[in-house]
Protein backbone atom coordinates (compact mmCIF):
# COMPACT_ATOMS: atom_id res chain seq x y z
CA UNK A 1 -4.36 56.55 46.28
CA UNK A 2 -3.15 53.08 47.20
CA UNK A 3 -6.73 51.77 47.12
CA UNK A 4 -7.33 53.26 43.65
CA UNK A 5 -4.12 51.73 42.32
CA UNK A 6 -5.12 48.39 43.82
CA UNK A 7 -8.55 48.53 42.12
CA UNK A 8 -7.07 49.50 38.76
CA UNK A 9 -4.59 46.64 38.95
CA UNK A 10 -7.48 44.18 39.31
CA UNK A 11 -9.23 45.73 36.30
CA UNK A 12 -6.06 45.30 34.24
CA UNK A 13 -5.66 41.70 35.38
CA UNK A 14 -9.29 40.81 34.64
CA UNK A 15 -9.24 42.54 31.27
CA UNK A 16 -5.89 40.97 30.37
CA UNK A 17 -7.20 37.50 31.19
CA UNK A 18 -10.25 38.15 29.00
CA UNK A 19 -8.23 39.24 25.98
CA UNK A 20 -5.66 36.45 26.34
CA UNK A 21 -8.55 33.99 26.63
CA UNK A 22 -10.10 35.36 23.44
CA UNK A 23 -6.73 34.97 21.72
CA UNK A 24 -6.60 31.30 22.74
CA UNK A 25 -10.12 30.75 21.39
CA UNK A 26 -9.19 32.47 18.12
CA UNK A 27 -6.18 30.15 17.78
CA UNK A 28 -8.39 27.10 18.33
CA UNK A 29 -10.94 28.30 15.78
CA UNK A 30 -8.18 29.00 13.26
CA UNK A 31 -6.68 25.54 13.76
CA UNK A 32 -10.06 23.83 13.41
CA UNK A 33 -11.04 25.95 10.40
CA UNK A 34 -14.20 27.76 11.52
CA UNK A 35 -15.22 31.21 12.71
CA UNK A 36 -14.26 32.21 16.24
CA UNK A 37 -17.61 33.99 16.78
CA UNK A 38 -19.38 31.00 18.43
CA UNK A 39 -16.46 30.54 20.84
CA UNK A 40 -16.48 34.24 21.76
CA UNK A 41 -20.23 34.03 22.45
CA UNK A 42 -19.82 30.90 24.58
CA UNK A 43 -17.04 32.55 26.56
CA UNK A 44 -19.32 35.51 27.21
CA UNK A 45 -22.08 33.18 28.41
CA UNK A 46 -19.64 31.49 30.77
CA UNK A 47 -18.50 34.76 32.39
CA UNK A 48 -21.66 36.85 32.13
CA UNK A 49 -24.94 37.13 34.01
CA UNK A 50 -25.74 33.72 35.47
CA UNK A 51 -22.45 32.27 34.21
CA UNK A 52 -19.71 30.38 36.01
CA UNK A 53 -17.68 33.42 37.08
CA UNK A 54 -19.37 36.73 36.21
CA UNK A 55 -17.04 39.64 35.42
CA UNK A 56 -17.53 42.74 37.51
CA UNK A 57 -14.52 45.05 37.35
CA UNK A 58 -13.97 45.44 33.61
CA UNK A 59 -17.61 45.35 32.49
CA UNK A 60 -17.86 49.07 31.66
CA UNK A 61 -14.76 48.97 29.47
CA UNK A 62 -15.95 45.83 27.72
CA UNK A 63 -19.37 47.41 27.11
CA UNK A 64 -17.87 50.49 25.45
CA UNK A 65 -15.35 48.39 23.53
CA UNK A 66 -18.17 46.22 22.20
CA UNK A 67 -19.98 49.26 20.78
CA UNK A 68 -16.77 50.46 19.14
CA UNK A 69 -16.28 46.97 17.69
CA UNK A 70 -19.54 47.14 15.75
CA UNK A 71 -18.69 50.58 14.41
CA UNK A 72 -15.24 49.51 13.20
CA UNK A 73 -16.63 46.36 11.58
CA UNK A 74 -19.08 48.41 9.54
CA UNK A 75 -16.54 51.14 8.79
CA UNK A 76 -14.14 48.57 7.35
CA UNK A 77 -16.98 47.09 5.34
CA UNK A 78 -17.71 50.52 3.90
CA UNK A 79 -14.08 50.95 2.85
CA UNK A 80 -14.51 48.10 0.37
CA UNK A 81 -16.94 50.12 -1.76
CA UNK A 82 -17.27 53.55 -3.34
CA UNK A 83 -20.28 55.81 -3.42
CA UNK A 84 -21.01 54.87 -7.05
CA UNK A 85 -20.90 51.17 -6.19
CA UNK A 86 -23.27 51.75 -3.26
CA UNK A 87 -25.73 53.62 -5.49
CA UNK A 88 -25.63 50.83 -8.07
CA UNK A 89 -26.04 48.04 -5.52
CA UNK A 90 -28.94 49.81 -3.81
CA UNK A 91 -30.66 50.29 -7.16
CA UNK A 92 -30.19 46.65 -8.19
CA UNK A 93 -31.04 45.33 -4.72
CA UNK A 94 -34.49 46.87 -4.34
CA UNK A 95 -36.22 43.61 -5.29
CA UNK A 96 -34.09 41.63 -2.84
CA UNK A 97 -34.80 44.23 -0.15
CA UNK A 98 -38.56 43.94 -0.62
CA UNK A 99 -38.36 40.14 -0.54
CA UNK A 100 -36.16 40.35 2.55
CA UNK A 101 -38.75 42.47 4.37
CA UNK A 102 -41.74 40.38 3.30
CA UNK A 103 -40.16 37.04 4.17
CA UNK A 104 -38.39 38.02 7.38
CA UNK A 105 -40.77 40.50 9.02
CA UNK A 106 -43.87 38.37 8.47
CA UNK A 107 -42.83 35.26 10.46
CA UNK A 108 -42.11 37.31 13.59
CA UNK A 109 -45.34 39.27 13.25
CA UNK A 110 -47.41 36.12 12.72
CA UNK A 111 -45.64 34.30 15.57
CA UNK A 112 -46.42 37.19 17.91
CA UNK A 113 -50.11 36.99 17.10
CA UNK A 114 -50.12 33.18 17.35
CA UNK A 115 -48.88 33.35 20.94
CA UNK A 116 -51.48 36.05 21.63
CA UNK A 117 -49.20 39.00 22.17
CA UNK A 118 -50.68 42.44 21.71
CA UNK A 119 -50.14 44.07 18.28
CA UNK A 120 -47.22 46.31 19.28
CA UNK A 121 -45.32 43.38 20.79
CA UNK A 122 -45.95 41.35 17.62
CA UNK A 123 -44.63 44.23 15.50
CA UNK A 124 -41.50 44.35 17.67
CA UNK A 125 -40.98 40.63 17.17
CA UNK A 126 -41.36 41.20 13.43
CA UNK A 127 -38.54 43.72 13.68
CA UNK A 128 -36.44 41.15 15.53
CA UNK A 129 -36.80 38.60 12.74
CA UNK A 130 -36.35 41.22 10.01
CA UNK A 131 -33.27 43.20 10.99
CA UNK A 132 -29.87 41.54 10.65
CA UNK A 133 -26.85 41.85 12.91
CA UNK A 134 -24.48 44.13 10.99
CA UNK A 135 -21.58 43.08 13.19
CA UNK A 136 -22.04 39.37 12.50
CA UNK A 137 -22.40 39.87 8.75
CA UNK A 138 -19.34 42.12 8.53
CA UNK A 139 -17.25 39.67 10.55
CA UNK A 140 -18.38 36.61 8.58
CA UNK A 141 -17.75 38.30 5.23
CA UNK A 142 -14.24 39.24 6.34
CA UNK A 143 -13.40 35.82 7.82
CA UNK A 144 -14.70 33.91 4.79
CA UNK A 145 -12.86 36.32 2.46
CA UNK A 146 -16.03 36.97 0.51
CA UNK A 147 -15.61 40.71 -0.07
CA UNK A 148 -14.89 40.15 -3.77
CA UNK A 149 -17.58 37.53 -4.36
CA UNK A 150 -20.42 38.37 -6.79
CA UNK A 151 -23.16 38.02 -4.17
CA UNK A 152 -21.53 40.38 -1.64
CA UNK A 153 -22.83 43.65 -3.17
CA UNK A 154 -26.37 42.30 -2.93
CA UNK A 155 -25.79 41.27 0.69
CA UNK A 156 -24.55 44.76 1.50
CA UNK A 157 -27.45 46.33 -0.38
CA UNK A 158 -29.96 44.37 1.69
CA UNK A 159 -28.04 45.21 4.87
CA UNK A 160 -28.06 48.94 4.09
CA UNK A 161 -31.76 48.83 3.20
CA UNK A 162 -32.51 47.17 6.54
CA UNK A 163 -30.61 49.85 8.43
CA UNK A 164 -32.34 52.58 6.44
CA UNK A 165 -35.69 50.97 7.23
CA UNK A 166 -34.71 51.10 10.89
CA UNK A 167 -34.44 54.89 10.53
CA UNK A 168 -38.24 54.85 10.26
CA UNK A 169 -39.01 51.79 12.38
CA UNK A 170 -37.07 52.67 15.54
CA UNK A 171 -38.42 56.24 16.04
CA UNK A 172 -41.92 54.98 15.24
CA UNK A 173 -41.75 52.17 17.80
CA UNK A 174 -40.08 54.42 20.40
CA UNK A 175 -42.91 56.96 20.17
CA UNK A 176 -45.58 54.25 20.29
CA UNK A 177 -43.97 52.72 23.38
CA UNK A 178 -43.93 56.09 25.11
CA UNK A 179 -47.55 56.76 24.18
CA UNK A 180 -46.86 59.70 21.86
CA UNK A 181 -49.39 61.08 19.40
CA UNK A 182 -49.40 61.35 15.62
CA UNK A 183 -47.54 64.69 15.61
CA UNK A 184 -44.67 63.26 17.66
CA UNK A 185 -44.50 60.19 15.41
CA UNK A 186 -44.27 62.31 12.24
CA UNK A 187 -41.68 64.60 13.84
CA UNK A 188 -39.45 61.75 15.03
CA UNK A 189 -39.59 59.88 11.72
CA UNK A 190 -38.94 63.07 9.72
CA UNK A 191 -35.88 63.97 11.77
CA UNK A 192 -34.48 60.44 11.46
CA UNK A 193 -34.99 60.36 7.69
CA UNK A 194 -33.46 63.83 7.31
CA UNK A 195 -30.34 62.84 9.27
CA UNK A 196 -29.75 59.58 7.39
CA UNK A 197 -30.38 61.31 4.04
CA UNK A 198 -27.85 64.01 4.88
CA UNK A 199 -25.18 61.49 5.88
CA UNK A 200 -25.92 59.33 2.83
CA UNK A 201 -25.69 62.34 0.50
CA UNK A 202 -22.40 63.48 2.01
CA UNK A 203 -20.89 60.00 1.72
CA UNK A 204 -22.06 59.23 -1.82
CA UNK A 205 -21.79 62.61 -3.54
CA UNK A 206 -18.95 64.31 -1.66
CA UNK A 207 -16.87 61.32 -0.63
CA UNK A 208 -13.96 62.20 -2.92
CA UNK A 209 -13.74 65.76 -1.58
CA UNK A 210 -13.91 64.50 2.01
CA UNK A 211 -11.09 62.03 1.30
CA UNK A 212 -8.92 64.83 -0.07
CA UNK A 213 -9.70 66.91 3.00
CA UNK A 214 -8.48 64.28 5.49
CA UNK A 215 -5.55 62.99 3.39
CA UNK A 216 -2.15 63.19 5.10
CA UNK A 217 1.14 61.30 5.02
CA UNK A 218 1.15 60.83 8.80
CA UNK A 219 -0.35 57.56 10.02
CA UNK A 220 -1.03 59.11 13.41
CA UNK A 221 -3.07 61.96 11.95
CA UNK A 222 -5.05 59.68 9.66
CA UNK A 223 -5.83 57.24 12.47
CA UNK A 224 -6.97 59.98 14.85
CA UNK A 225 -9.04 61.68 12.14
CA UNK A 226 -10.75 58.52 10.90
CA UNK A 227 -11.39 57.04 14.34
CA UNK A 228 -12.80 60.34 15.58
CA UNK A 229 -14.99 60.75 12.49
CA UNK A 230 -16.43 57.25 12.88
CA UNK A 231 -17.34 57.88 16.52
CA UNK A 232 -18.70 61.36 15.80
CA UNK A 233 -20.93 60.39 12.87
CA UNK A 234 -22.13 57.24 14.64
CA UNK A 235 -22.93 59.21 17.78
CA UNK A 236 -24.92 61.86 15.89
CA UNK A 237 -26.81 59.15 13.99
CA UNK A 238 -27.63 57.30 17.21
CA UNK A 239 -28.76 60.52 18.82
CA UNK A 240 -31.45 60.88 16.16
CA UNK A 241 -32.62 57.25 16.44
CA UNK A 242 -30.67 56.20 13.33
CA UNK A 243 -28.45 53.12 13.40
CA UNK A 244 -24.95 54.07 14.55
CA UNK A 245 -23.65 51.19 12.43
CA UNK A 246 -25.00 52.68 9.21
CA UNK A 247 -23.30 55.96 10.11
CA UNK A 248 -19.95 54.18 10.48
CA UNK A 249 -20.56 52.28 7.24
CA UNK A 250 -21.17 55.52 5.34
CA UNK A 251 -17.96 57.05 6.72
CA UNK A 252 -16.16 54.08 5.17
CA UNK A 253 -18.00 54.62 1.89
CA UNK A 254 -16.90 58.27 1.88
CA UNK A 255 -13.20 57.34 2.06
CA UNK A 256 -11.50 56.60 -1.26
CA UNK A 257 -8.08 56.30 -2.89
CA UNK A 258 -4.97 56.39 -0.75
CA UNK A 259 -6.92 57.44 2.34
CA UNK A 260 -9.05 54.28 2.11
CA UNK A 261 -5.96 52.08 1.74
CA UNK A 262 -4.19 53.84 4.61
CA UNK A 263 -7.28 53.59 6.81
CA UNK A 264 -7.65 49.89 6.05
CA UNK A 265 -4.08 49.21 7.12
CA UNK A 266 -4.31 51.26 10.32
CA UNK A 267 -7.79 50.33 11.52
CA UNK A 268 -7.72 46.58 10.77
CA UNK A 269 -5.95 45.61 14.03
CA UNK A 270 -8.33 47.78 16.07
CA UNK A 271 -11.31 46.23 14.30
CA UNK A 272 -10.17 42.71 15.12
CA UNK A 273 -9.59 43.56 18.79
CA UNK A 274 -12.86 45.39 19.39
CA UNK A 275 -14.89 42.95 17.27
CA UNK A 276 -13.76 40.09 19.52
CA UNK A 277 -14.78 42.18 22.54
CA UNK A 278 -18.17 42.84 20.91
CA UNK A 279 -19.05 39.18 20.54
CA UNK A 280 -17.71 38.39 24.01
CA UNK A 281 -19.74 41.20 25.54
CA UNK A 282 -22.86 40.04 23.74
CA UNK A 283 -22.53 36.71 25.53
CA UNK A 284 -21.96 38.52 28.83
CA UNK A 285 -25.35 40.20 28.60
CA UNK A 286 -27.30 36.94 28.33
CA UNK A 287 -28.31 34.78 31.26
CA UNK A 288 -27.96 31.17 30.02
CA UNK A 289 -31.07 30.21 31.99
CA UNK A 290 -33.21 32.48 29.80
CA UNK A 291 -32.11 30.73 26.60
CA UNK A 292 -33.80 27.40 27.36
CA UNK A 293 -37.44 28.62 27.39
CA UNK A 294 -36.85 30.63 24.20
CA UNK A 295 -34.97 27.85 22.38
CA UNK A 296 -37.92 26.14 20.60
CA UNK A 297 -39.25 29.54 19.51
CA UNK A 298 -35.83 30.62 18.24
CA UNK A 299 -35.13 27.34 16.46
CA UNK A 300 -38.47 27.48 14.66
CA UNK A 301 -38.06 31.07 13.52
CA UNK A 302 -34.39 30.41 12.69
CA UNK A 303 -35.36 27.52 10.42
CA UNK A 304 -37.86 29.76 8.65
CA UNK A 305 -35.24 32.52 8.27
CA UNK A 306 -32.69 30.08 6.87
CA UNK A 307 -35.16 28.78 4.31
CA UNK A 308 -36.16 32.29 3.32
CA UNK A 309 -32.52 33.25 2.78
CA UNK A 310 -32.49 30.83 -0.14
CA UNK A 311 -35.45 32.66 -1.65
CA UNK A 312 -33.72 36.03 -1.28
CA UNK A 313 -30.62 34.69 -3.04
CA UNK A 314 -32.73 33.93 -6.12
CA UNK A 315 -33.11 37.68 -6.72
CA UNK A 316 -30.43 37.72 -9.39
CA UNK A 317 -27.23 36.32 -7.84
CA UNK A 318 -25.83 32.98 -9.06
CA UNK A 319 -24.52 30.78 -6.26
CA UNK A 320 -22.76 27.49 -5.89
CA UNK A 321 -23.13 24.92 -3.12
CA UNK A 322 -20.23 26.37 -1.11
CA UNK A 323 -21.75 29.84 -1.21
CA UNK A 324 -25.12 28.46 -0.17
CA UNK A 325 -23.73 26.55 2.81
CA UNK A 326 -21.66 29.49 4.07
CA UNK A 327 -24.54 31.92 3.59
CA UNK A 328 -26.81 29.63 5.58
CA UNK A 329 -24.27 29.62 8.42
CA UNK A 330 -24.19 33.41 8.41
CA UNK A 331 -28.00 33.57 8.30
CA UNK A 332 -28.38 31.27 11.30
CA UNK A 333 -25.65 33.07 13.26
CA UNK A 334 -27.05 36.54 12.69
CA UNK A 335 -30.59 35.36 13.50
CA UNK A 336 -29.48 33.84 16.81
CA UNK A 337 -27.68 37.05 17.74
CA UNK A 338 -30.50 39.39 16.81
CA UNK A 339 -33.13 37.18 18.49
CA UNK A 340 -31.35 36.82 21.82
CA UNK A 341 -30.27 40.46 21.76
CA UNK A 342 -33.83 41.72 21.52
CA UNK A 343 -35.69 39.01 23.46
CA UNK A 344 -35.59 40.86 26.85
CA UNK A 345 -37.26 43.96 25.37
CA UNK A 346 -40.00 42.04 23.62
CA UNK A 347 -40.48 39.77 26.64
CA UNK A 348 -40.88 42.78 28.93
CA UNK A 349 -43.44 44.34 26.60
CA UNK A 350 -45.30 41.05 26.29
CA UNK A 351 -45.37 40.62 30.08
CA UNK A 352 -46.56 44.15 30.60
CA UNK A 353 -49.45 43.57 28.21
CA UNK A 354 -50.77 40.48 29.92
């Protein structure tokens, strides 16, 4: 019993130092007038695999907290919009979504073939350059206070389309990697599409009824209900190879009226806490030594992605110079995250094919 108490005390101390350290970094970023995300990532690099002082005791908690952080970021993003607004933005954003896929998937695919990877590895790299980091985008939109800006609905439309595309892409790639046949591919993709369609239908068409069902004057009941629903829907979505983030986003879309306002007030502090843990944990998972060999590759593809973002913004949204500069920052940040996050998987596949 004494040994267990001793171990737990060290976990508390380590975790407390981490969170206090993140608070200090957030203060510095606020004083200097930029997003705290890069500082969180650097802190993770410093205390992660291959860092100065790798964390050991609190890693499991930080890992789970990071996953919750992404879900809460997307849930809060969904609260900003109704089902009707989502339908409208998806309809108007089809052109931007097609351009997004063509301009972002192609560079990764071509780069994979140029370095003589096998086709499946090149397709995976195309997915890396295509899909955006929902967590980064949600955090940047909130920090820059751009929720009410005219281009934000288009950004969200493209983001949702990417996650919906992943409902087909991820099961397809998973089956191909495991060597499954055509029947297994069709079955996996069908199940994924059915699940995401069901969740999307419930959020868009029955959101008002669901809001009335969970409405209550007690903050405690609302918080427990909403937090549990986010985890439950995200878990079911993930189970069927659908993005857990899109499940959390659609839960936010389903909430409306007083329930949405109450949820926003109650969940905001949790979002900020777990989002900081998410970006810190992301840095923990990366060995700094592996970044150097991939840096020229990442910089080249990042430059292409940044240039293509300007093309996507021409799909019907007027912008000014400030919007363009901030959007470029978000583009570069999300590309760096998604590239480094998926590099080990693609690298392993590439190595196995040689």
